[in-house]
Amino acid sequence: MTAWKRWQDYATMAIGVVLFVTPFVFGATGNGVAAGTAYTLGVLLFLAGILAAAMTRANGVEIIPAVLGVITFVAPWVFGFASVTALAWSAWILGILAVLSAGSVLYAASAGRPRSTVA
């Protein structure tokens, strides 16, 4: 595929935007740790989506959104805002979606390569 053609990269960008605006939507901007995490990871996911979309081939750069998705998923427990249910559930759902989106590109890229056989 050529650059800027994979829907998964646009999905990663959209996930980043949704994660960024989540504290505003749920009125949780006063919770500094949860909101700051959503802002930071939202921007990073958006930038990772742009970087992945700019690549002509799906190569190792797709691992960045996948890792950010895992970080987004575990962030409520690591940073201690699992009790802020709206932001925690948003992080869990969007983290899973980011991993699935990036993982589908990685899977499709690996399925298209000829496998080498080791004798």
PDB file of N, CA and C in Angstrom:
ATOM      1  N   MET A   1       0.835  -1.189   0.000  1.00  0.00           N
ATOM      2  CA  MET A   1       0.000   0.000   0.000  1.00  0.00           C
ATOM      3  C   MET A   1       0.876   1.248   0.000  1.00  0.00           C
ATOM      4  N   THR A   2       0.332   2.294  -0.505  1.00  0.00           N
ATOM      5  CA  THR A   2       1.067   3.545  -0.529  1.00  0.00           C
ATOM      6  C   THR A   2       0.780   4.343   0.732  1.00  0.00           C
ATOM      7  N   ALA A   3       1.545   5.403   0.880  1.00  0.00           N
ATOM      8  CA  ALA A   3       1.383   6.242   2.066  1.00  0.00           C
ATOM      9  C   ALA A   3       0.003   6.885   2.081  1.00  0.00           C
ATOM     10  N   TRP A   4      -0.531   7.085   3.258  1.00  0.00           N
ATOM     11  CA  TRP A   4      -1.811   7.751   3.497  1.00  0.00           C
ATOM     12  C   TRP A   4      -3.000   6.972   2.937  1.00  0.00           C
ATOM     13  N   LYS A   5      -2.895   5.651   2.831  1.00  0.00           N
ATOM     14  CA  LYS A   5      -3.982   4.841   2.295  1.00  0.00           C
ATOM     15  C   LYS A   5      -4.560   3.849   3.303  1.00  0.00           C
ATOM     16  N   ARG A   6      -3.899   3.588   4.409  1.00  0.00           N
ATOM     17  CA  ARG A   6      -4.364   2.579   5.356  1.00  0.00           C
ATOM     18  C   ARG A   6      -5.383   3.186   6.329  1.00  0.00           C
ATOM     19  N   TRP A   7      -6.542   2.574   6.407  1.00  0.00           N
ATOM     20  CA  TRP A   7      -7.586   3.082   7.290  1.00  0.00           C
ATOM     21  C   TRP A   7      -7.178   2.954   8.758  1.00  0.00           C
ATOM     22  N   GLN A   8      -6.316   1.987   9.069  1.00  0.00           N
ATOM     23  CA  GLN A   8      -5.909   1.780  10.450  1.00  0.00           C
ATOM     24  C   GLN A   8      -5.132   2.982  10.996  1.00  0.00           C
ATOM     25  N   ASP A   9      -4.366   3.644  10.124  1.00  0.00           N
ATOM     26  CA  ASP A   9      -3.612   4.809  10.566  1.00  0.00           C
ATOM     27  C   ASP A   9      -4.547   5.963  10.894  1.00  0.00           C
ATOM     28  N   TYR A  10      -5.592   6.120  10.085  1.00  0.00           N
ATOM     29  CA  TYR A  10      -6.587   7.148  10.378  1.00  0.00           C
ATOM     30  C   TYR A  10      -7.370   6.801  11.638  1.00  0.00           C
ATOM     31  N   ALA A  11      -7.610   5.521  11.869  1.00  0.00           N
ATOM     32  CA  ALA A  11      -8.278   5.091  13.092  1.00  0.00           C
ATOM     33  C   ALA A  11      -7.415   5.410  14.312  1.00  0.00           C
ATOM     34  N   THR A  12      -6.107   5.212  14.195  1.00  0.00           N
ATOM     35  CA  THR A  12      -5.207   5.543  15.299  1.00  0.00           C
ATOM     36  C   THR A  12      -5.235   7.034  15.589  1.00  0.00           C
ATOM     37  N   MET A  13      -5.250   7.843  14.530  1.00  0.00           N
ATOM     38  CA  MET A  13      -5.346   9.295  14.727  1.00  0.00           C
ATOM     39  C   MET A  13      -6.664   9.671  15.405  1.00  0.00           C
ATOM     40  N   ALA A  14      -7.752   9.050  14.978  1.00  0.00           N
ATOM     41  CA  ALA A  14      -9.058   9.334  15.574  1.00  0.00           C
ATOM     42  C   ALA A  14      -9.108   8.897  17.039  1.00  0.00           C
ATOM     43  N   ILE A  15      -8.502   7.757  17.345  1.00  0.00           N
ATOM     44  CA  ILE A  15      -8.450   7.289  18.731  1.00  0.00           C
ATOM     45  C   ILE A  15      -7.689   8.291  19.591  1.00  0.00           C
ATOM     46  N   GLY A  16      -6.600   8.836  19.053  1.00  0.00           N
ATOM     47  CA  GLY A  16      -5.851   9.846  19.785  1.00  0.00           C
ATOM     48  C   GLY A  16      -6.670  11.094  20.050  1.00  0.00           C
ATOM     49  N   VAL A  17      -7.426  11.534  19.063  1.00  0.00           N
ATOM     50  CA  VAL A  17      -8.275  12.727  19.239  1.00  0.00           C
ATOM     51  C   VAL A  17      -9.361  12.455  20.274  1.00  0.00           C
ATOM     52  N   VAL A  18      -9.996  11.297  20.179  1.00  0.00           N
ATOM     53  CA  VAL A  18     -11.054  10.956  21.136  1.00  0.00           C
ATOM     54  C   VAL A  18     -10.487  10.876  22.548  1.00  0.00           C
ATOM     55  N   LEU A  19      -9.330  10.277  22.704  1.00  0.00           N
ATOM     56  CA  LEU A  19      -8.711  10.187  24.030  1.00  0.00           C
ATOM     57  C   LEU A  19      -8.378  11.574  24.566  1.00  0.00           C
ATOM     58  N   PHE A  20      -7.930  12.466  23.690  1.00  0.00           N
ATOM     59  CA  PHE A  20      -7.588  13.826  24.111  1.00  0.00           C
ATOM     60  C   PHE A  20      -8.815  14.593  24.611  1.00  0.00           C
ATOM     61  N   VAL A  21      -9.945  14.443  23.949  1.00  0.00           N
ATOM     62  CA  VAL A  21     -11.135  15.213  24.329  1.00  0.00           C
ATOM     63  C   VAL A  21     -11.966  14.536  25.416  1.00  0.00           C
ATOM     64  N   THR A  22     -11.642  13.315  25.779  1.00  0.00           N
ATOM     65  CA  THR A  22     -12.409  12.588  26.787  1.00  0.00           C
ATOM     66  C   THR A  22     -12.539  13.334  28.113  1.00  0.00           C
ATOM     67  N   PRO A  23     -11.492  13.940  28.668  1.00  0.00           N
ATOM     68  CA  PRO A  23     -11.682  14.681  29.929  1.00  0.00           C
ATOM     69  C   PRO A  23     -12.667  15.841  29.801  1.00  0.00           C
ATOM     70  N   PHE A  24     -12.706  16.477  28.640  1.00  0.00           N
ATOM     71  CA  PHE A  24     -13.653  17.568  28.442  1.00  0.00           C
ATOM     72  C   PHE A  24     -15.078  17.048  28.355  1.00  0.00           C
ATOM     73  N   VAL A  25     -15.267  15.933  27.653  1.00  0.00           N
ATOM     74  CA  VAL A  25     -16.598  15.361  27.466  1.00  0.00           C
ATOM     75  C   VAL A  25     -17.187  14.910  28.799  1.00  0.00           C
ATOM     76  N   PHE A  26     -16.387  14.280  29.632  1.00  0.00           N
ATOM     77  CA  PHE A  26     -16.885  13.763  30.895  1.00  0.00           C
ATOM     78  C   PHE A  26     -16.704  14.739  32.056  1.00  0.00           C
ATOM     79  N   GLY A  27     -16.220  15.923  31.787  1.00  0.00           N
ATOM     80  CA  GLY A  27     -16.062  16.926  32.831  1.00  0.00           C
ATOM     81  C   GLY A  27     -15.066  16.546  33.902  1.00  0.00           C
ATOM     82  N   ALA A  28     -14.017  15.868  33.509  1.00  0.00           N
ATOM     83  CA  ALA A  28     -13.026  15.404  34.480  1.00  0.00           C
ATOM     84  C   ALA A  28     -11.695  16.128  34.311  1.00  0.00           C
ATOM     85  N   THR A  29     -11.743  17.375  33.864  1.00  0.00           N
ATOM     86  CA  THR A  29     -10.496  18.114  33.673  1.00  0.00           C
ATOM     87  C   THR A  29      -9.853  18.484  35.006  1.00  0.00           C
ATOM     88  N   GLY A  30     -10.616  18.441  36.086  1.00  0.00           N
ATOM     89  CA  GLY A  30     -10.074  18.758  37.400  1.00  0.00           C
ATOM     90  C   GLY A  30      -9.192  17.658  37.962  1.00  0.00           C
ATOM     91  N   ASN A  31      -9.345  16.447  37.485  1.00  0.00           N
ATOM     92  CA  ASN A  31      -8.509  15.343  37.938  1.00  0.00           C
ATOM     93  C   ASN A  31      -7.203  15.398  37.153  1.00  0.00           C
ATOM     94  N   GLY A  32      -6.182  15.976  37.740  1.00  0.00           N
ATOM     95  CA  GLY A  32      -4.938  16.270  37.040  1.00  0.00           C
ATOM     96  C   GLY A  32      -4.230  15.079  36.435  1.00  0.00           C
ATOM     97  N   VAL A  33      -4.117  14.001  37.183  1.00  0.00           N
ATOM     98  CA  VAL A  33      -3.386  12.841  36.684  1.00  0.00           C
ATOM     99  C   VAL A  33      -4.130  12.183  35.536  1.00  0.00           C
ATOM    100  N   ALA A  34      -5.418  11.956  35.702  1.00  0.00           N
ATOM    101  CA  ALA A  34      -6.204  11.287  34.667  1.00  0.00           C
ATOM    102  C   ALA A  34      -6.293  12.144  33.414  1.00  0.00           C
ATOM    103  N   ALA A  35      -6.564  13.429  33.573  1.00  0.00           N
ATOM    104  CA  ALA A  35      -6.676  14.316  32.413  1.00  0.00           C
ATOM    105  C   ALA A  35      -5.324  14.473  31.726  1.00  0.00           C
ATOM    106  N   GLY A  36      -4.275  14.636  32.493  1.00  0.00           N
ATOM    107  CA  GLY A  36      -2.941  14.778  31.907  1.00  0.00           C
ATOM    108  C   GLY A  36      -2.516  13.546  31.134  1.00  0.00           C
ATOM    109  N   THR A  37      -2.867  12.382  31.675  1.00  0.00           N
ATOM    110  CA  THR A  37      -2.563  11.139  30.966  1.00  0.00           C
ATOM    111  C   THR A  37      -3.338  11.057  29.662  1.00  0.00           C
ATOM    112  N   ALA A  38      -4.610  11.429  29.696  1.00  0.00           N
ATOM    113  CA  ALA A  38      -5.430  11.402  28.481  1.00  0.00           C
ATOM    114  C   ALA A  38      -4.891  12.383  27.448  1.00  0.00           C
ATOM    115  N   TYR A  39      -4.502  13.564  27.882  1.00  0.00           N
ATOM    116  CA  TYR A  39      -3.951  14.550  26.941  1.00  0.00           C
ATOM    117  C   TYR A  39      -2.663  14.036  26.305  1.00  0.00           C
ATOM    118  N   THR A  40      -1.753  13.568  27.140  1.00  0.00           N
ATOM    119  CA  THR A  40      -0.446  13.125  26.659  1.00  0.00           C
ATOM    120  C   THR A  40      -0.556  11.926  25.723  1.00  0.00           C
ATOM    121  N   LEU A  41      -1.268  10.901  26.167  1.00  0.00           N
ATOM    122  CA  LEU A  41      -1.396   9.709  25.331  1.00  0.00           C
ATOM    123  C   LEU A  41      -2.230   9.980  24.085  1.00  0.00           C
ATOM    124  N   GLY A  42      -3.196  10.881  24.173  1.00  0.00           N
ATOM    125  CA  GLY A  42      -3.965  11.254  22.993  1.00  0.00           C
ATOM    126  C   GLY A  42      -3.097  11.907  21.931  1.00  0.00           C
ATOM    127  N   VAL A  43      -2.254  12.828  22.348  1.00  0.00           N
ATOM    128  CA  VAL A  43      -1.346  13.485  21.399  1.00  0.00           C
ATOM    129  C   VAL A  43      -0.355  12.477  20.831  1.00  0.00           C
ATOM    130  N   LEU A  44       0.194  11.616  21.678  1.00  0.00           N
ATOM    131  CA  LEU A  44       1.160  10.622  21.200  1.00  0.00           C
ATOM    132  C   LEU A  44       0.529   9.639  20.217  1.00  0.00           C
ATOM    133  N   LEU A  45      -0.700   9.210  20.480  1.00  0.00           N
ATOM    134  CA  LEU A  45      -1.379   8.313  19.547  1.00  0.00           C
ATOM    135  C   LEU A  45      -1.657   9.013  18.219  1.00  0.00           C
ATOM    136  N   PHE A  46      -2.070  10.280  18.273  1.00  0.00           N
ATOM    137  CA  PHE A  46      -2.315  11.033  17.050  1.00  0.00           C
ATOM    138  C   PHE A  46      -1.029  11.165  16.231  1.00  0.00           C
ATOM    139  N   LEU A  47       0.065  11.508  16.888  1.00  0.00           N
ATOM    140  CA  LEU A  47       1.343  11.642  16.183  1.00  0.00           C
ATOM    141  C   LEU A  47       1.839  10.299  15.648  1.00  0.00           C
ATOM    142  N   ALA A  48       1.618   9.234  16.402  1.00  0.00           N
ATOM    143  CA  ALA A  48       2.012   7.906  15.924  1.00  0.00           C
ATOM    144  C   ALA A  48       1.184   7.504  14.702  1.00  0.00           C
ATOM    145  N   GLY A  49      -0.079   7.894  14.680  1.00  0.00           N
ATOM    146  CA  GLY A  49      -0.915   7.629  13.513  1.00  0.00           C
ATOM    147  C   GLY A  49      -0.433   8.383  12.293  1.00  0.00           C
ATOM    148  N   ILE A  50      -0.024   9.624  12.486  1.00  0.00           N
ATOM    149  CA  ILE A  50       0.517  10.413  11.374  1.00  0.00           C
ATOM    150  C   ILE A  50       1.811   9.785  10.862  1.00  0.00           C
ATOM    151  N   LEU A  51       2.681   9.403  11.785  1.00  0.00           N
ATOM    152  CA  LEU A  51       3.947   8.781  11.387  1.00  0.00           C
ATOM    153  C   LEU A  51       3.704   7.484  10.621  1.00  0.00           C
ATOM    154  N   ALA A  52       2.801   6.658  11.108  1.00  0.00           N
ATOM    155  CA  ALA A  52       2.506   5.393  10.435  1.00  0.00           C
ATOM    156  C   ALA A  52       1.860   5.631   9.074  1.00  0.00           C
ATOM    157  N   ALA A  53       1.003   6.631   8.980  1.00  0.00           N
ATOM    158  CA  ALA A  53       0.338   6.917   7.708  1.00  0.00           C
ATOM    159  C   ALA A  53       1.308   7.450   6.667  1.00  0.00           C
ATOM    160  N   ALA A  54       2.345   8.133   7.099  1.00  0.00           N
ATOM    161  CA  ALA A  54       3.308   8.714   6.164  1.00  0.00           C
ATOM    162  C   ALA A  54       4.242   7.668   5.561  1.00  0.00           C
ATOM    163  N   MET A  55       4.295   6.495   6.160  1.00  0.00           N
ATOM    164  CA  MET A  55       5.162   5.443   5.643  1.00  0.00           C
ATOM    165  C   MET A  55       4.510   4.764   4.445  1.00  0.00           C
ATOM    166  N   THR A  56       5.309   4.469   3.432  1.00  0.00           N
ATOM    167  CA  THR A  56       4.757   3.828   2.242  1.00  0.00           C
ATOM    168  C   THR A  56       4.423   2.370   2.489  1.00  0.00           C
ATOM    169  N   ARG A  57       5.175   1.715   3.339  1.00  0.00           N
ATOM    170  CA  ARG A  57       4.907   0.318   3.671  1.00  0.00           C
ATOM    171  C   ARG A  57       4.698   0.184   5.165  1.00  0.00           C
ATOM    172  N   ALA A  58       3.859  -0.756   5.527  1.00  0.00           N
ATOM    173  CA  ALA A  58       3.651  -1.041   6.947  1.00  0.00           C
ATOM    174  C   ALA A  58       4.850  -1.843   7.429  1.00  0.00           C
ATOM    175  N   ASN A  59       5.708  -1.188   8.152  1.00  0.00           N
ATOM    176  CA  ASN A  59       6.889  -1.868   8.671  1.00  0.00           C
ATOM    177  C   ASN A  59       6.904  -1.740  10.188  1.00  0.00           C
ATOM    178  N   GLY A  60       8.021  -1.730  10.777  1.00  0.00           N
ATOM    179  CA  GLY A  60       8.151  -1.728  12.222  1.00  0.00           C
ATOM    180  C   GLY A  60       7.587  -0.514  12.928  1.00  0.00           C
ATOM    181  N   VAL A  61       7.298   0.558  12.196  1.00  0.00           N
ATOM    182  CA  VAL A  61       6.792   1.762  12.841  1.00  0.00           C
ATOM    183  C   VAL A  61       5.376   1.550  13.390  1.00  0.00           C
ATOM    184  N   GLU A  62       4.669   0.543  12.904  1.00  0.00           N
ATOM    185  CA  GLU A  62       3.325   0.244  13.406  1.00  0.00           C
ATOM    186  C   GLU A  62       3.355  -0.289  14.833  1.00  0.00           C
ATOM    187  N   ILE A  63       4.513  -0.669  15.302  1.00  0.00           N
ATOM    188  CA  ILE A  63       4.609  -1.155  16.675  1.00  0.00           C
ATOM    189  C   ILE A  63       4.417   0.003  17.665  1.00  0.00           C
ATOM    190  N   ILE A  64       4.702   1.225  17.251  1.00  0.00           N
ATOM    191  CA  ILE A  64       4.570   2.381  18.145  1.00  0.00           C
ATOM    192  C   ILE A  64       3.120   2.580  18.584  1.00  0.00           C
ATOM    193  N   PRO A  65       2.144   2.633  17.657  1.00  0.00           N
ATOM    194  CA  PRO A  65       0.757   2.744  18.129  1.00  0.00           C
ATOM    195  C   PRO A  65       0.308   1.548  18.967  1.00  0.00           C
ATOM    196  N   ALA A  66       0.827   0.371  18.665  1.00  0.00           N
ATOM    197  CA  ALA A  66       0.460  -0.808  19.452  1.00  0.00           C
ATOM    198  C   ALA A  66       0.965  -0.676  20.887  1.00  0.00           C
ATOM    199  N   VAL A  67       2.200  -0.241  21.047  1.00  0.00           N
ATOM    200  CA  VAL A  67       2.760  -0.056  22.393  1.00  0.00           C
ATOM    201  C   VAL A  67       2.025   1.063  23.130  1.00  0.00           C
ATOM    202  N   LEU A  68       1.717   2.137  22.425  1.00  0.00           N
ATOM    203  CA  LEU A  68       0.957   3.222  23.053  1.00  0.00           C
ATOM    204  C   LEU A  68      -0.441   2.757  23.448  1.00  0.00           C
ATOM    205  N   GLY A  69      -1.031   1.861  22.673  1.00  0.00           N
ATOM    206  CA  GLY A  69      -2.325   1.300  23.042  1.00  0.00           C
ATOM    207  C   GLY A  69      -2.243   0.480  24.318  1.00  0.00           C
ATOM    208  N   VAL A  70      -1.183  -0.300  24.461  1.00  0.00           N
ATOM    209  CA  VAL A  70      -0.988  -1.081  25.686  1.00  0.00           C
ATOM    210  C   VAL A  70      -0.770  -0.142  26.874  1.00  0.00           C
ATOM    211  N   ILE A  71       0.017   0.893  26.683  1.00  0.00           N
ATOM    212  CA  ILE A  71       0.250   1.870  27.751  1.00  0.00           C
ATOM    213  C   ILE A  71      -1.058   2.555  28.132  1.00  0.00           C
ATOM    214  N   THR A  72      -1.872   2.896  27.141  1.00  0.00           N
ATOM    215  CA  THR A  72      -3.170   3.512  27.412  1.00  0.00           C
ATOM    216  C   THR A  72      -4.059   2.574  28.213  1.00  0.00           C
ATOM    217  N   PHE A  73      -4.027   1.291  27.878  1.00  0.00           N
ATOM    218  CA  PHE A  73      -4.853   0.311  28.583  1.00  0.00           C
ATOM    219  C   PHE A  73      -4.442   0.170  30.046  1.00  0.00           C
ATOM    220  N   VAL A  74      -3.163   0.146  30.339  1.00  0.00           N
ATOM    221  CA  VAL A  74      -2.715  -0.071  31.724  1.00  0.00           C
ATOM    222  C   VAL A  74      -2.586   1.228  32.518  1.00  0.00           C
ATOM    223  N   ALA A  75      -2.706   2.364  31.865  1.00  0.00           N
ATOM    224  CA  ALA A  75      -2.517   3.656  32.537  1.00  0.00           C
ATOM    225  C   ALA A  75      -3.437   3.866  33.740  1.00  0.00           C
ATOM    226  N   PRO A  76      -4.723   3.504  33.696  1.00  0.00           N
ATOM    227  CA  PRO A  76      -5.549   3.728  34.888  1.00  0.00           C
ATOM    228  C   PRO A  76      -5.035   3.028  36.138  1.00  0.00           C
ATOM    229  N   TRP A  77      -4.463   1.856  35.989  1.00  0.00           N
ATOM    230  CA  TRP A  77      -3.922   1.159  37.150  1.00  0.00           C
ATOM    231  C   TRP A  77      -2.555   1.713  37.549  1.00  0.00           C
ATOM    232  N   VAL A  78      -1.729   1.995  36.566  1.00  0.00           N
ATOM    233  CA  VAL A  78      -0.375   2.468  36.858  1.00  0.00           C
ATOM    234  C   VAL A  78      -0.403   3.854  37.501  1.00  0.00           C
ATOM    235  N   PHE A  79      -1.231   4.740  36.956  1.00  0.00           N
ATOM    236  CA  PHE A  79      -1.276   6.111  37.460  1.00  0.00           C
ATOM    237  C   PHE A  79      -2.361   6.331  38.505  1.00  0.00           C
ATOM    238  N   GLY A  80      -3.088   5.298  38.860  1.00  0.00           N
ATOM    239  CA  GLY A  80      -4.014   5.348  39.978  1.00  0.00           C
ATOM    240  C   GLY A  80      -5.310   6.104  39.730  1.00  0.00           C
ATOM    241  N   PHE A  81      -5.824   6.087  38.518  1.00  0.00           N
ATOM    242  CA  PHE A  81      -7.115   6.731  38.294  1.00  0.00           C
ATOM    243  C   PHE A  81      -8.172   5.743  37.821  1.00  0.00           C
ATOM    244  N   ALA A  82      -8.032   4.493  38.241  1.00  0.00           N
ATOM    245  CA  ALA A  82      -9.036   3.482  37.890  1.00  0.00           C
ATOM    246  C   ALA A  82     -10.373   3.778  38.552  1.00  0.00           C
ATOM    247  N   SER A  83     -10.365   4.559  39.620  1.00  0.00           N
ATOM    248  CA  SER A  83     -11.626   4.908  40.287  1.00  0.00           C
ATOM    249  C   SER A  83     -12.372   6.025  39.565  1.00  0.00           C
ATOM    250  N   VAL A  84     -11.697   6.737  38.679  1.00  0.00           N
ATOM    251  CA  VAL A  84     -12.354   7.744  37.850  1.00  0.00           C
ATOM    252  C   VAL A  84     -12.931   6.971  36.662  1.00  0.00           C
ATOM    253  N   THR A  85     -14.119   6.437  36.856  1.00  0.00           N
ATOM    254  CA  THR A  85     -14.633   5.419  35.960  1.00  0.00           C
ATOM    255  C   THR A  85     -14.748   5.864  34.505  1.00  0.00           C
ATOM    256  N   ALA A  86     -15.185   7.061  34.253  1.00  0.00           N
ATOM    257  CA  ALA A  86     -15.368   7.492  32.860  1.00  0.00           C
ATOM    258  C   ALA A  86     -14.039   7.521  32.119  1.00  0.00           C
ATOM    259  N   LEU A  87     -13.025   8.092  32.727  1.00  0.00           N
ATOM    260  CA  LEU A  87     -11.725   8.164  32.067  1.00  0.00           C
ATOM    261  C   LEU A  87     -11.035   6.807  32.039  1.00  0.00           C
ATOM    262  N   ALA A  88     -11.233   6.015  33.067  1.00  0.00           N
ATOM    263  CA  ALA A  88     -10.622   4.687  33.086  1.00  0.00           C
ATOM    264  C   ALA A  88     -11.221   3.813  31.992  1.00  0.00           C
ATOM    265  N   TRP A  89     -12.550   3.795  31.879  1.00  0.00           N
ATOM    266  CA  TRP A  89     -13.181   2.994  30.832  1.00  0.00           C
ATOM    267  C   TRP A  89     -12.809   3.503  29.446  1.00  0.00           C
ATOM    268  N   SER A  90     -12.690   4.791  29.305  1.00  0.00           N
ATOM    269  CA  SER A  90     -12.263   5.347  28.015  1.00  0.00           C
ATOM    270  C   SER A  90     -10.860   4.869  27.670  1.00  0.00           C
ATOM    271  N   ALA A  91      -9.976   4.896  28.643  1.00  0.00           N
ATOM    272  CA  ALA A  91      -8.601   4.444  28.408  1.00  0.00           C
ATOM    273  C   ALA A  91      -8.570   2.964  28.070  1.00  0.00           C
ATOM    274  N   TRP A  92      -9.354   2.162  28.764  1.00  0.00           N
ATOM    275  CA  TRP A  92      -9.362   0.727  28.490  1.00  0.00           C
ATOM    276  C   TRP A  92      -9.905   0.432  27.089  1.00  0.00           C
ATOM    277  N   ILE A  93     -11.017   1.043  26.737  1.00  0.00           N
ATOM    278  CA  ILE A  93     -11.629   0.781  25.427  1.00  0.00           C
ATOM    279  C   ILE A  93     -10.758   1.309  24.297  1.00  0.00           C
ATOM    280  N   LEU A  94     -10.289   2.547  24.435  1.00  0.00           N
ATOM    281  CA  LEU A  94      -9.463   3.132  23.373  1.00  0.00           C
ATOM    282  C   LEU A  94      -8.108   2.447  23.271  1.00  0.00           C
ATOM    283  N   GLY A  95      -7.572   1.976  24.382  1.00  0.00           N
ATOM    284  CA  GLY A  95      -6.323   1.224  24.343  1.00  0.00           C
ATOM    285  C   GLY A  95      -6.472  -0.075  23.568  1.00  0.00           C
ATOM    286  N   ILE A  96      -7.571  -0.779  23.803  1.00  0.00           N
ATOM    287  CA  ILE A  96      -7.824  -2.016  23.057  1.00  0.00           C
ATOM    288  C   ILE A  96      -7.997  -1.720  21.575  1.00  0.00           C
ATOM    289  N   LEU A  97      -8.750  -0.673  21.250  1.00  0.00           N
ATOM    290  CA  LEU A  97      -8.955  -0.314  19.841  1.00  0.00           C
ATOM    291  C   LEU A  97      -7.642   0.058  19.152  1.00  0.00           C
ATOM    292  N   ALA A  98      -6.769   0.761  19.866  1.00  0.00           N
ATOM    293  CA  ALA A  98      -5.476   1.137  19.282  1.00  0.00           C
ATOM    294  C   ALA A  98      -4.620  -0.096  19.018  1.00  0.00           C
ATOM    295  N   VAL A  99      -4.620  -1.044  19.944  1.00  0.00           N
ATOM    296  CA  VAL A  99      -3.845  -2.269  19.752  1.00  0.00           C
ATOM    297  C   VAL A  99      -4.419  -3.085  18.595  1.00  0.00           C
ATOM    298  N   LEU A 100      -5.728  -3.198  18.514  1.00  0.00           N
ATOM    299  CA  LEU A 100      -6.349  -3.946  17.418  1.00  0.00           C
ATOM    300  C   LEU A 100      -6.078  -3.292  16.068  1.00  0.00           C
ATOM    301  N   SER A 101      -6.140  -1.979  16.028  1.00  0.00           N
ATOM    302  CA  SER A 101      -5.895  -1.266  14.773  1.00  0.00           C
ATOM    303  C   SER A 101      -4.453  -1.459  14.302  1.00  0.00           C
ATOM    304  N   ALA A 102      -3.507  -1.215  15.181  1.00  0.00           N
ATOM    305  CA  ALA A 102      -2.099  -1.373  14.808  1.00  0.00           C
ATOM    306  C   ALA A 102      -1.763  -2.845  14.577  1.00  0.00           C
ATOM    307  N   GLY A 103      -2.351  -3.718  15.366  1.00  0.00           N
ATOM    308  CA  GLY A 103      -2.088  -5.137  15.197  1.00  0.00           C
ATOM    309  C   GLY A 103      -2.597  -5.675  13.876  1.00  0.00           C
ATOM    310  N   SER A 104      -3.700  -5.133  13.391  1.00  0.00           N
ATOM    311  CA  SER A 104      -4.216  -5.603  12.104  1.00  0.00           C
ATOM    312  C   SER A 104      -3.276  -5.232  10.966  1.00  0.00           C
ATOM    313  N   VAL A 105      -2.638  -4.078  11.065  1.00  0.00           N
ATOM    314  CA  VAL A 105      -1.659  -3.692  10.041  1.00  0.00           C
ATOM    315  C   VAL A 105      -0.434  -4.589  10.125  1.00  0.00           C
ATOM    316  N   LEU A 106       0.034  -4.839  11.331  1.00  0.00           N
ATOM    317  CA  LEU A 106       1.194  -5.705  11.503  1.00  0.00           C
ATOM    318  C   LEU A 106       0.900  -7.123  11.029  1.00  0.00           C
ATOM    319  N   TYR A 107      -0.301  -7.614  11.310  1.00  0.00           N
ATOM    320  CA  TYR A 107      -0.672  -8.960  10.870  1.00  0.00           C
ATOM    321  C   TYR A 107      -0.754  -9.025   9.347  1.00  0.00           C
ATOM    322  N   ALA A 108      -1.378  -8.026   8.738  1.00  0.00           N
ATOM    323  CA  ALA A 108      -1.504  -8.010   7.277  1.00  0.00           C
ATOM    324  C   ALA A 108      -0.135  -7.895   6.616  1.00  0.00           C
ATOM    325  N   ALA A 109       0.751  -7.120   7.216  1.00  0.00           N
ATOM    326  CA  ALA A 109       2.095  -6.980   6.647  1.00  0.00           C
ATOM    327  C   ALA A 109       2.874  -8.284   6.758  1.00  0.00           C
ATOM    328  N   SER A 110       2.711  -8.981   7.868  1.00  0.00           N
ATOM    329  CA  SER A 110       3.451 -10.237   8.021  1.00  0.00           C
ATOM    330  C   SER A 110       2.828 -11.351   7.185  1.00  0.00           C
ATOM    331  N   ALA A 111       1.534 -11.307   6.936  1.00  0.00           N
ATOM    332  CA  ALA A 111       0.882 -12.330   6.128  1.00  0.00           C
ATOM    333  C   ALA A 111       1.229 -12.180   4.666  1.00  0.00           C
ATOM    334  N   GLY A 112       1.574 -10.964   4.250  1.00  0.00           N
ATOM    335  CA  GLY A 112       1.909 -10.733   2.844  1.00  0.00           C
ATOM    336  C   GLY A 112       3.339 -11.074   2.491  1.00  0.00           C
ATOM    337  N   ARG A 113       4.183 -11.259   3.477  1.00  0.00           N
ATOM    338  CA  ARG A 113       5.596 -11.581   3.230  1.00  0.00           C
ATOM    339  C   ARG A 113       5.776 -13.067   3.009  1.00  0.00           C
ATOM    340  N   PRO A 114       6.656 -13.431   2.100  1.00  0.00           N
ATOM    341  CA  PRO A 114       6.979 -14.852   1.972  1.00  0.00           C
ATOM    342  C   PRO A 114       7.752 -15.315   3.201  1.00  0.00           C
ATOM    343  N   ARG A 115       7.394 -16.444   3.700  1.00  0.00           N
ATOM    344  CA  ARG A 115       8.059 -16.977   4.889  1.00  0.00           C
ATOM    345  C   ARG A 115       9.290 -17.764   4.475  1.00  0.00           C
ATOM    346  N   SER A 116      10.359 -17.519   5.187  1.00  0.00           N
ATOM    347  CA  SER A 116      11.583 -18.259   4.878  1.00  0.00           C
ATOM    348  C   SER A 116      11.552 -19.576   5.652  1.00  0.00           C
ATOM    349  N   THR A 117      12.031 -20.585   5.004  1.00  0.00           N
ATOM    350  CA  THR A 117      12.095 -21.884   5.668  1.00  0.00           C
ATOM    351  C   THR A 117      13.525 -22.141   6.085  1.00  0.00           C
ATOM    352  N   VAL A 118      13.660 -22.609   7.275  1.00  0.00           N
ATOM    353  CA  VAL A 118      14.985 -22.909   7.809  1.00  0.00           C
ATOM    354  C   VAL A 118      15.164 -24.419   7.708  1.00  0.00           C
ATOM    355  N   ALA A 119      16.235 -24.805   7.034  1.00  0.00           N
ATOM    356  CA  ALA A 119      16.476 -26.241   6.840  1.00  0.00           C
ATOM    357  C   ALA A 119      17.255 -26.827   7.987  1.00  0.00           C
TER     358      ALA A 119
END
